[in-house]
N, C-alpha and C. Protein backbone atom coordinates (compact mmCIF):
# COMPACT_ATOMS: atom_id res chain seq x y z
N MET A 1 -21.67 47.92 -209.52
CA MET A 1 -22.67 48.17 -208.68
C MET A 1 -23.70 49.22 -209.39
N CYS A 2 -23.67 49.79 -210.44
CA CYS A 2 -24.67 51.00 -211.09
C CYS A 2 -24.28 50.29 -212.21
N SER A 3 -23.73 49.56 -212.98
CA SER A 3 -23.21 49.16 -214.57
C SER A 3 -24.25 48.66 -215.37
N GLY A 4 -24.28 49.38 -216.29
CA GLY A 4 -25.47 48.81 -216.86
C GLY A 4 -26.88 49.32 -216.99
N SER A 5 -27.36 49.82 -215.88
CA SER A 5 -28.74 50.40 -215.50
C SER A 5 -28.65 51.78 -215.15
N TRP A 6 -29.61 52.54 -215.18
CA TRP A 6 -30.01 53.94 -215.22
C TRP A 6 -30.73 54.06 -213.93
N SER A 7 -30.94 53.10 -213.02
CA SER A 7 -31.82 53.16 -212.24
C SER A 7 -30.90 53.78 -210.81
N THR A 8 -31.72 54.46 -209.99
CA THR A 8 -30.61 55.07 -208.98
C THR A 8 -30.74 54.45 -207.59
N LYS A 9 -31.97 53.10 -207.37
CA LYS A 9 -31.67 52.25 -206.75
C LYS A 9 -30.75 51.75 -205.63
N GLY A 10 -30.04 51.05 -206.69
CA GLY A 10 -28.99 50.54 -205.94
C GLY A 10 -27.75 51.14 -205.89
N CYS A 11 -27.79 52.41 -206.91
CA CYS A 11 -26.26 53.05 -205.96
C CYS A 11 -26.39 54.62 -205.80
N PRO A 12 -25.68 55.29 -204.73
CA PRO A 12 -25.75 56.51 -204.84
C PRO A 12 -25.51 57.70 -205.70
N SER A 13 -26.20 58.47 -205.46
CA SER A 13 -26.28 59.70 -206.40
C SER A 13 -25.08 60.46 -206.42
N LEU A 14 -24.55 61.36 -207.22
CA LEU A 14 -23.20 61.45 -207.68
C LEU A 14 -23.09 63.15 -206.78
N VAL A 15 -23.99 63.40 -206.66
CA VAL A 15 -24.26 64.65 -205.49
C VAL A 15 -23.95 64.58 -204.27
N VAL A 16 -25.00 63.23 -203.89
CA VAL A 16 -24.66 62.57 -202.48
C VAL A 16 -23.21 62.26 -201.88
N PHE A 17 -22.84 61.47 -203.38
CA PHE A 17 -21.15 60.92 -203.18
C PHE A 17 -20.66 62.48 -203.24
N ASN A 18 -20.81 63.27 -203.77
CA ASN A 18 -19.64 64.59 -203.93
C ASN A 18 -19.88 65.19 -202.43
N LEU A 19 -20.84 65.32 -202.04
CA LEU A 19 -21.29 66.00 -201.13
C LEU A 19 -20.45 65.60 -199.55
N LYS A 20 -20.53 64.07 -199.61
CA LYS A 20 -20.05 63.26 -198.30
C LYS A 20 -18.50 63.55 -198.53
N ARG A 21 -17.82 63.40 -199.83
CA ARG A 21 -16.54 63.66 -199.88
C ARG A 21 -16.32 65.26 -199.36
N ARG A 22 -16.90 65.96 -199.61
CA ARG A 22 -16.39 67.43 -199.67
C ARG A 22 -16.66 67.55 -198.14
N GLN A 23 -17.43 67.17 -197.48
CA GLN A 23 -17.78 67.38 -195.68
C GLN A 23 -16.41 66.48 -195.12
N GLN A 24 -16.07 65.44 -195.70
CA GLN A 24 -14.78 64.78 -195.07
C GLN A 24 -13.76 65.64 -195.14
N GLN A 25 -13.63 65.99 -196.47
CA GLN A 25 -12.46 67.34 -196.85
C GLN A 25 -12.42 68.43 -195.83
N THR A 26 -13.32 68.86 -195.91
CA THR A 26 -13.81 70.05 -194.97
C THR A 26 -13.82 69.90 -193.37
N LYS A 27 -13.88 68.92 -192.93
CA LYS A 27 -13.64 68.47 -191.62
C LYS A 27 -12.60 68.92 -191.07
N PRO A 28 -11.59 68.22 -191.17
CA PRO A 28 -10.15 68.46 -190.77
C PRO A 28 -10.07 69.95 -191.02
N HIS A 29 -9.95 70.65 -191.91
CA HIS A 29 -10.24 71.64 -191.83
C HIS A 29 -10.55 72.87 -191.22
N VAL A 30 -11.89 72.54 -190.89
CA VAL A 30 -12.97 73.28 -189.76
C VAL A 30 -11.92 72.96 -188.27
N LEU A 31 -11.90 71.68 -188.11
CA LEU A 31 -11.24 71.32 -186.72
C LEU A 31 -9.98 72.39 -186.58
N VAL A 32 -9.45 72.29 -187.49
CA VAL A 32 -7.88 72.82 -187.56
C VAL A 32 -8.21 74.44 -187.04
N ALA A 33 -9.01 75.22 -187.99
CA ALA A 33 -9.45 76.31 -187.63
C ALA A 33 -10.34 76.67 -186.03
N ILE A 34 -10.59 75.73 -185.74
CA ILE A 34 -11.34 75.75 -184.38
C ILE A 34 -10.10 75.69 -183.45
N ARG A 35 -9.11 74.93 -183.50
CA ARG A 35 -8.01 74.78 -183.08
C ARG A 35 -7.27 75.78 -182.74
N ARG A 36 -7.09 76.84 -184.08
CA ARG A 36 -6.55 77.53 -183.98
C ARG A 36 -6.89 78.80 -183.31
N ARG A 37 -8.23 78.96 -183.53
CA ARG A 37 -8.91 80.11 -182.67
C ARG A 37 -9.03 79.81 -181.33
N ARG A 38 -9.25 78.60 -180.90
CA ARG A 38 -9.02 78.56 -179.53
C ARG A 38 -7.34 78.64 -179.26
N LEU A 39 -6.82 78.55 -179.54
CA LEU A 39 -5.30 78.94 -179.17
C LEU A 39 -5.14 80.29 -179.60
N ARG A 40 -5.56 80.57 -180.52
CA ARG A 40 -5.42 82.55 -180.12
C ARG A 40 -6.10 83.22 -179.02
N LEU A 41 -7.50 82.63 -179.05
CA LEU A 41 -8.14 83.08 -177.78
C LEU A 41 -7.32 82.77 -176.42
N ARG A 42 -6.84 81.61 -176.29
CA ARG A 42 -6.02 81.43 -174.85
C ARG A 42 -4.84 82.48 -174.96
N ARG A 43 -4.14 82.56 -175.99
CA ARG A 43 -2.80 83.39 -176.23
C ARG A 43 -3.35 85.16 -175.94
N SER A 44 -4.70 85.27 -176.23
CA SER A 44 -4.86 86.69 -176.12
C SER A 44 -5.42 87.01 -175.19
N ARG A 45 -5.67 85.61 -174.35
CA ARG A 45 -6.22 86.18 -172.74
C ARG A 45 -5.10 86.19 -171.89
N ALA A 46 -3.96 85.70 -172.40
CA ALA A 46 -2.85 85.65 -171.37
C ALA A 46 -2.00 86.92 -171.73
N GLY A 47 -2.37 87.16 -173.03
CA GLY A 47 -1.57 88.91 -172.89
C GLY A 47 -2.42 89.11 -172.43
N ALA A 48 -3.62 89.66 -172.47
CA ALA A 48 -4.63 90.20 -172.06
C ALA A 48 -4.32 90.21 -170.53
N GLU A 49 -4.00 89.39 -169.61
CA GLU A 49 -3.83 89.55 -168.18
C GLU A 49 -2.32 89.99 -168.04
N ALA A 50 -0.95 89.66 -168.91
CA ALA A 50 -0.10 90.20 -168.44
C ALA A 50 -0.09 91.74 -169.00
N MET A 51 -0.83 92.10 -169.99
CA MET A 51 -0.78 93.66 -170.00
C MET A 51 -1.69 94.27 -168.86
N GLU A 52 -2.58 93.91 -168.21
CA GLU A 52 -3.38 94.01 -167.13
C GLU A 52 -2.40 94.12 -165.71
N MET A 53 -1.46 92.97 -165.63
CA MET A 53 -0.79 93.01 -164.37
C MET A 53 0.26 94.13 -164.81
N VAL A 54 0.87 94.51 -165.96
CA VAL A 54 1.58 95.82 -166.27
C VAL A 54 0.94 96.75 -165.88
N ASN A 55 -0.52 96.96 -166.49
CA ASN A 55 -0.93 98.35 -165.78
C ASN A 55 -1.13 98.60 -164.72
N LEU A 56 -1.55 97.49 -164.42
CA LEU A 56 -1.72 97.52 -162.80
C LEU A 56 -0.38 98.33 -161.72
N LYS A 57 0.96 97.53 -162.03
CA LYS A 57 2.16 97.83 -161.57
C LYS A 57 2.40 99.01 -161.71
N LEU A 58 2.22 99.63 -163.31
CA LEU A 58 2.41 101.32 -163.44
C LEU A 58 1.36 102.22 -162.91
N TYR A 59 0.62 101.68 -162.86
CA TYR A 59 -0.38 102.66 -161.89
C TYR A 59 -0.22 102.81 -160.36
N LEU A 60 0.49 101.64 -160.07
CA LEU A 60 0.57 101.97 -158.52
C LEU A 60 1.98 102.79 -158.65
N GLU A 61 2.83 102.24 -159.35
CA GLU A 61 3.99 103.26 -159.16
C GLU A 61 3.73 104.75 -159.37
N ASN A 62 2.67 105.10 -160.47
CA ASN A 62 2.35 106.52 -160.63
C ASN A 62 2.03 106.83 -159.40
N ARG A 63 0.64 106.31 -158.89
CA ARG A 63 0.24 106.83 -157.52
C ARG A 63 1.55 107.27 -156.32
N CYS A 64 2.61 106.40 -156.47
CA CYS A 64 3.46 106.59 -155.29
C CYS A 64 4.42 107.92 -155.67
N ILE A 65 4.68 107.85 -156.85
CA ILE A 65 5.22 109.33 -157.55
C ILE A 65 4.40 110.46 -157.38
N ILE A 66 3.13 110.24 -157.72
CA ILE A 66 2.20 111.31 -157.24
C ILE A 66 2.13 112.13 -155.96
N ALA A 67 1.98 110.84 -154.85
CA ALA A 67 2.34 110.85 -153.23
C ALA A 67 3.70 111.62 -152.79
N GLU A 68 4.57 110.81 -153.55
CA GLU A 68 6.04 111.68 -153.66
C GLU A 68 6.07 113.00 -153.83
N ASN A 69 5.58 113.46 -154.94
CA ASN A 69 5.65 114.65 -155.58
C ASN A 69 5.00 115.61 -154.32
N GLU A 70 3.60 115.21 -154.28
CA GLU A 70 2.92 115.96 -153.10
C GLU A 70 3.88 116.47 -151.83
N ARG A 71 4.28 115.17 -151.76
CA ARG A 71 5.27 115.38 -150.00
C ARG A 71 6.22 116.78 -150.44
N LEU A 72 7.28 116.36 -151.74
CA LEU A 72 8.13 117.55 -152.12
C LEU A 72 7.79 118.64 -152.01
N LYS A 73 6.46 118.92 -152.52
CA LYS A 73 5.65 120.05 -152.82
C LYS A 73 5.62 120.95 -151.58
N GLU A 74 5.16 120.11 -150.74
CA GLU A 74 4.96 120.80 -149.43
C GLU A 74 6.23 121.03 -148.64
N LYS A 75 7.40 120.59 -148.62
CA LYS A 75 8.39 120.11 -148.10
C LYS A 75 9.13 121.83 -148.91
N ALA A 76 9.06 122.34 -150.11
CA ALA A 76 9.33 122.87 -150.60
C ALA A 76 8.62 124.53 -150.25
N ARG A 77 7.28 124.16 -150.19
CA ARG A 77 6.53 125.42 -149.60
C ARG A 77 6.98 125.91 -148.08
N ALA A 78 7.09 124.84 -147.27
CA ALA A 78 8.04 124.66 -146.11
C ALA A 78 9.07 125.61 -146.13
N LEU A 79 10.04 125.05 -146.93
CA LEU A 79 11.35 125.70 -147.12
C LEU A 79 11.25 127.58 -147.58
N ARG A 80 10.29 127.17 -148.34
CA ARG A 80 10.36 128.79 -149.15
C ARG A 80 9.88 129.91 -147.61
N ARG A 81 8.75 129.27 -146.97
CA ARG A 81 8.25 130.11 -146.19
C ARG A 81 9.52 130.73 -145.02
N GLU A 82 10.36 129.61 -144.57
CA GLU A 82 11.53 129.65 -143.66
C GLU A 82 12.65 130.57 -144.30
N ASN A 83 12.63 130.47 -145.46
CA ASN A 83 13.31 131.25 -145.99
C ASN A 83 13.17 132.89 -146.41
N LEU A 84 11.97 132.88 -146.71
CA LEU A 84 11.30 134.08 -146.56
C LEU A 84 11.29 135.06 -145.20
N ALA A 85 10.75 133.93 -144.15
CA ALA A 85 11.20 134.56 -142.45
C ALA A 85 12.88 134.80 -142.21
N LEU A 86 13.19 133.96 -142.72
CA LEU A 86 15.01 134.36 -142.49
C LEU A 86 15.38 135.58 -143.30
N ARG A 87 14.85 135.71 -144.39
CA ARG A 87 15.27 137.25 -144.83
C ARG A 87 14.73 138.31 -144.19
N GLN A 88 13.44 138.35 -143.75
CA GLN A 88 12.86 139.20 -143.24
C GLN A 88 13.76 139.36 -141.95
N ASN A 89 13.96 138.52 -141.46
CA ASN A 89 15.05 138.67 -140.06
C ASN A 89 16.31 139.77 -140.24
N LEU A 90 16.79 138.60 -141.17
CA LEU A 90 18.04 139.34 -141.75
C LEU A 90 17.94 140.84 -142.03
N SER A 91 17.05 141.47 -142.92
CA SER A 91 16.89 142.79 -143.24
C SER A 91 16.63 143.83 -142.13
N LYS A 92 15.73 142.85 -141.03
CA LYS A 92 15.29 143.93 -139.48
C LYS A 92 16.61 144.14 -139.28
N THR A 93 17.94 143.08 -138.76
CA THR A 93 18.93 143.16 -138.15
C THR A 93 19.95 143.64 -138.89
N THR A 94 20.07 144.03 -139.96
CA THR A 94 20.96 144.93 -140.86
C THR A 94 20.58 146.18 -140.85
N ALA A 95 19.07 146.60 -140.48
CA ALA A 95 18.25 147.94 -140.99
C ALA A 95 18.90 148.58 -139.21
N GLU A 96 18.40 147.69 -138.22
CA GLU A 96 18.74 148.04 -136.98
C GLU A 96 20.36 148.23 -136.70
N ALA A 97 21.12 147.42 -137.35
CA ALA A 97 22.58 147.77 -137.37
C ALA A 97 23.05 148.90 -138.07
N GLU A 98 22.35 149.25 -139.06
CA GLU A 98 22.64 150.66 -139.79
C GLU A 98 22.36 151.74 -139.02
N LEU A 99 21.31 151.78 -138.10
CA LEU A 99 20.88 152.94 -137.81
C LEU A 99 22.01 153.41 -136.97
N PRO A 100 21.86 152.46 -135.74
CA PRO A 100 23.06 153.23 -134.81
C PRO A 100 24.06 153.60 -135.54
N ALA A 101 24.85 152.93 -136.43
CA ALA A 101 25.97 153.52 -137.36
C ALA A 101 25.91 154.60 -137.99
N ALA A 102 24.70 154.91 -138.63
CA ALA A 102 24.42 156.07 -139.12
C ALA A 102 24.07 157.04 -138.37
N GLY A 103 23.67 156.67 -137.32
CA GLY A 103 23.66 158.08 -136.06
C GLY A 103 24.62 158.20 -135.73
N ALA A 104 25.73 157.42 -135.70
CA ALA A 104 27.09 157.65 -134.77
C ALA A 104 27.64 158.24 -135.83
N GLY A 105 27.74 158.00 -137.22
CA GLY A 105 28.57 158.78 -137.72
C GLY A 105 28.20 160.24 -137.98
N ALA A 106 26.75 160.54 -137.84
CA ALA A 106 26.32 161.65 -138.25
C ALA A 106 26.45 162.70 -137.06
N GLY A 107 26.55 162.12 -135.89
CA GLY A 107 26.84 162.82 -134.50
C GLY A 107 28.32 162.90 -134.58
N ALA A 108 29.13 162.26 -134.95
CA ALA A 108 30.62 162.65 -135.02
C ALA A 108 30.91 163.94 -135.90
N ALA A 109 30.16 163.94 -137.00
CA ALA A 109 30.48 165.10 -137.89
C ALA A 109 30.25 166.27 -137.49
């Protein structure tokens, strides 16, 4: 092909030959890298969607717990008010029961 003469008309230069060879070598590598990147993106999207669903479930569970906590707080307040009312009622009845008993004991002496 190029033997015996130094003209460059009949044969491609070594630079062009090396460049083509290098492009052929890097193409599969680039394609593999692109495939890997796409696969990684798909996996990360799937992981992100799964994490979003877990986050949503936890958020809803948290809201339910907060609502139940509020209901229990209100119930505790009502029970405390009832307990205070019963204590006052009990102290009034015991005070009324002690007054006649104290007066009867003083009158007998």
